[in-house]
Amino acid sequence: MAASGGVRPSSSTDLPADEVEVLALFAQGYTIERIARALGISQRTVRRRLRAAADALGAGTSVEAVVRAVRTGLI
C-alpha cells in the first residue's frame, strides 16, 4: 500500500538510535562534517547512517528521509 502522507507511528520503522540521532542533526542544518565532529565519528560513518536511515524510510535522499522522519514523528 502506498504511503498516504499521513502520520504513522514510529514503530512502523524502527531505526537504530544512532541513525535517528544523525537524521535529527541533519534536520537541524548540521553539515556532514559538523555531525561527525559533534558525535566523534567519521564523515563516512555519518554518510553511512544517513543512507541506512533513508533506505529504511524508503527515501531516495537524505533530505527526503528527514521529511519522512518528521512526518512520522520519528524526529
C-alpha atoms as a PDB file:
ATOM      1  CA  MET A   1       0.000   0.000   0.000  1.00  0.00           C
ATOM      2  CA  ALA A   2       1.361   3.438  -0.905  1.00  0.00           C
ATOM      3  CA  ALA A   3       2.024   5.950   1.817  1.00  0.00           C
ATOM      4  CA  SER A   4      -0.785   8.472   2.054  1.00  0.00           C
ATOM      5  CA  GLY A   5       1.336  11.161   3.646  1.00  0.00           C
ATOM      6  CA  GLY A   6      -0.421  10.599   6.935  1.00  0.00           C
ATOM      7  CA  VAL A   7       1.437  10.193  10.169  1.00  0.00           C
ATOM      8  CA  ARG A   8       2.333   6.631  11.026  1.00  0.00           C
ATOM      9  CA  PRO A   9       3.695   5.551  14.381  1.00  0.00           C
ATOM     10  CA  SER A  10       7.472   5.438  14.538  1.00  0.00           C
ATOM     11  CA  SER A  11       7.248   1.748  15.413  1.00  0.00           C
ATOM     12  CA  SER A  12       6.425   1.115  11.734  1.00  0.00           C
ATOM     13  CA  THR A  13      10.064   1.945  11.006  1.00  0.00           C
ATOM     14  CA  ASP A  14      12.251   1.338  13.999  1.00  0.00           C
ATOM     15  CA  LEU A  15      15.589   2.928  13.228  1.00  0.00           C
ATOM     16  CA  PRO A  16      18.601   2.438  15.459  1.00  0.00           C
ATOM     17  CA  ALA A  17      19.177   5.359  17.814  1.00  0.00           C
ATOM     18  CA  ASP A  18      22.437   6.305  16.072  1.00  0.00           C
ATOM     19  CA  GLU A  19      20.645   6.726  12.733  1.00  0.00           C
ATOM     20  CA  VAL A  20      17.877   8.780  14.327  1.00  0.00           C
ATOM     21  CA  GLU A  21      20.489  10.982  16.019  1.00  0.00           C
ATOM     22  CA  VAL A  22      22.262  11.664  12.718  1.00  0.00           C
ATOM     23  CA  LEU A  23      18.939  12.379  10.990  1.00  0.00           C
ATOM     24  CA  ALA A  24      17.916  14.787  13.741  1.00  0.00           C
ATOM     25  CA  LEU A  25      21.178  16.722  13.485  1.00  0.00           C
ATOM     26  CA  PHE A  26      20.923  16.811   9.701  1.00  0.00           C
ATOM     27  CA  ALA A  27      17.368  18.139  10.059  1.00  0.00           C
ATOM     28  CA  GLN A  28      18.728  20.929  12.261  1.00  0.00           C
ATOM     29  CA  GLY A  29      21.010  22.020   9.445  1.00  0.00           C
ATOM     30  CA  TYR A  30      24.229  20.396  10.580  1.00  0.00           C
ATOM     31  CA  THR A  31      26.617  19.505   7.770  1.00  0.00           C
ATOM     32  CA  ILE A  32      28.051  16.020   7.494  1.00  0.00           C
ATOM     33  CA  GLU A  33      31.371  17.378   8.735  1.00  0.00           C
ATOM     34  CA  ARG A  34      29.745  19.075  11.735  1.00  0.00           C
ATOM     35  CA  ILE A  35      27.728  15.961  12.617  1.00  0.00           C
ATOM     36  CA  ALA A  36      30.911  13.894  12.506  1.00  0.00           C
ATOM     37  CA  ARG A  37      32.708  16.302  14.820  1.00  0.00           C
ATOM     38  CA  ALA A  38      29.741  16.564  17.213  1.00  0.00           C
ATOM     39  CA  LEU A  39      29.411  12.794  17.524  1.00  0.00           C
ATOM     40  CA  GLY A  40      33.098  11.926  17.338  1.00  0.00           C
ATOM     41  CA  ILE A  41      32.642   9.699  14.301  1.00  0.00           C
ATOM     42  CA  SER A  42      33.949   9.812  10.751  1.00  0.00           C
ATOM     43  CA  GLN A  43      32.188  11.582   7.917  1.00  0.00           C
ATOM     44  CA  ARG A  44      31.968   8.217   6.195  1.00  0.00           C
ATOM     45  CA  THR A  45      30.041   6.841   9.176  1.00  0.00           C
ATOM     46  CA  VAL A  46      27.682   9.826   9.073  1.00  0.00           C
ATOM     47  CA  ARG A  47      27.023   9.217   5.375  1.00  0.00           C
ATOM     48  CA  ARG A  48      26.505   5.507   6.021  1.00  0.00           C
ATOM     49  CA  ARG A  49      23.972   6.210   8.782  1.00  0.00           C
ATOM     50  CA  LEU A  50      22.116   8.748   6.657  1.00  0.00           C
ATOM     51  CA  ARG A  51      21.958   6.276   3.768  1.00  0.00           C
ATOM     52  CA  ALA A  52      20.764   3.455   6.031  1.00  0.00           C
ATOM     53  CA  ALA A  53      18.068   5.694   7.510  1.00  0.00           C
ATOM     54  CA  ALA A  54      16.972   6.815   4.053  1.00  0.00           C
ATOM     55  CA  ASP A  55      16.787   3.204   2.872  1.00  0.00           C
ATOM     56  CA  ALA A  56      14.771   2.159   5.919  1.00  0.00           C
ATOM     57  CA  LEU A  57      12.347   5.040   5.374  1.00  0.00           C
ATOM     58  CA  GLY A  58      12.038   4.351   1.659  1.00  0.00           C
ATOM     59  CA  ALA A  59      13.586   7.712   0.811  1.00  0.00           C
ATOM     60  CA  GLY A  60      15.780   8.449  -2.173  1.00  0.00           C
ATOM     61  CA  THR A  61      17.803  11.179  -0.474  1.00  0.00           C
ATOM     62  CA  SER A  62      18.829  12.271   2.998  1.00  0.00           C
ATOM     63  CA  VAL A  63      16.568  15.318   2.730  1.00  0.00           C
ATOM     64  CA  GLU A  64      13.601  13.119   1.838  1.00  0.00           C
ATOM     65  CA  ALA A  65      14.495  10.879   4.784  1.00  0.00           C
ATOM     66  CA  VAL A  66      14.342  13.885   7.106  1.00  0.00           C
ATOM     67  CA  VAL A  67      10.929  14.852   5.725  1.00  0.00           C
ATOM     68  CA  ARG A  68       9.608  11.317   6.226  1.00  0.00           C
ATOM     69  CA  ALA A  69      11.094  11.125   9.722  1.00  0.00           C
ATOM     70  CA  VAL A  70       9.421  14.393  10.682  1.00  0.00           C
ATOM     71  CA  ARG A  71       6.078  13.366   9.171  1.00  0.00           C
ATOM     72  CA  THR A  72       6.074  10.085  11.053  1.00  0.00           C
ATOM     73  CA  GLY A  73       7.110  11.684  14.331  1.00  0.00           C
ATOM     74  CA  LEU A  74      10.428   9.866  14.360  1.00  0.00           C
ATOM     75  CA  ILE A  75      12.261  13.155  14.886  1.00  0.00           C
END
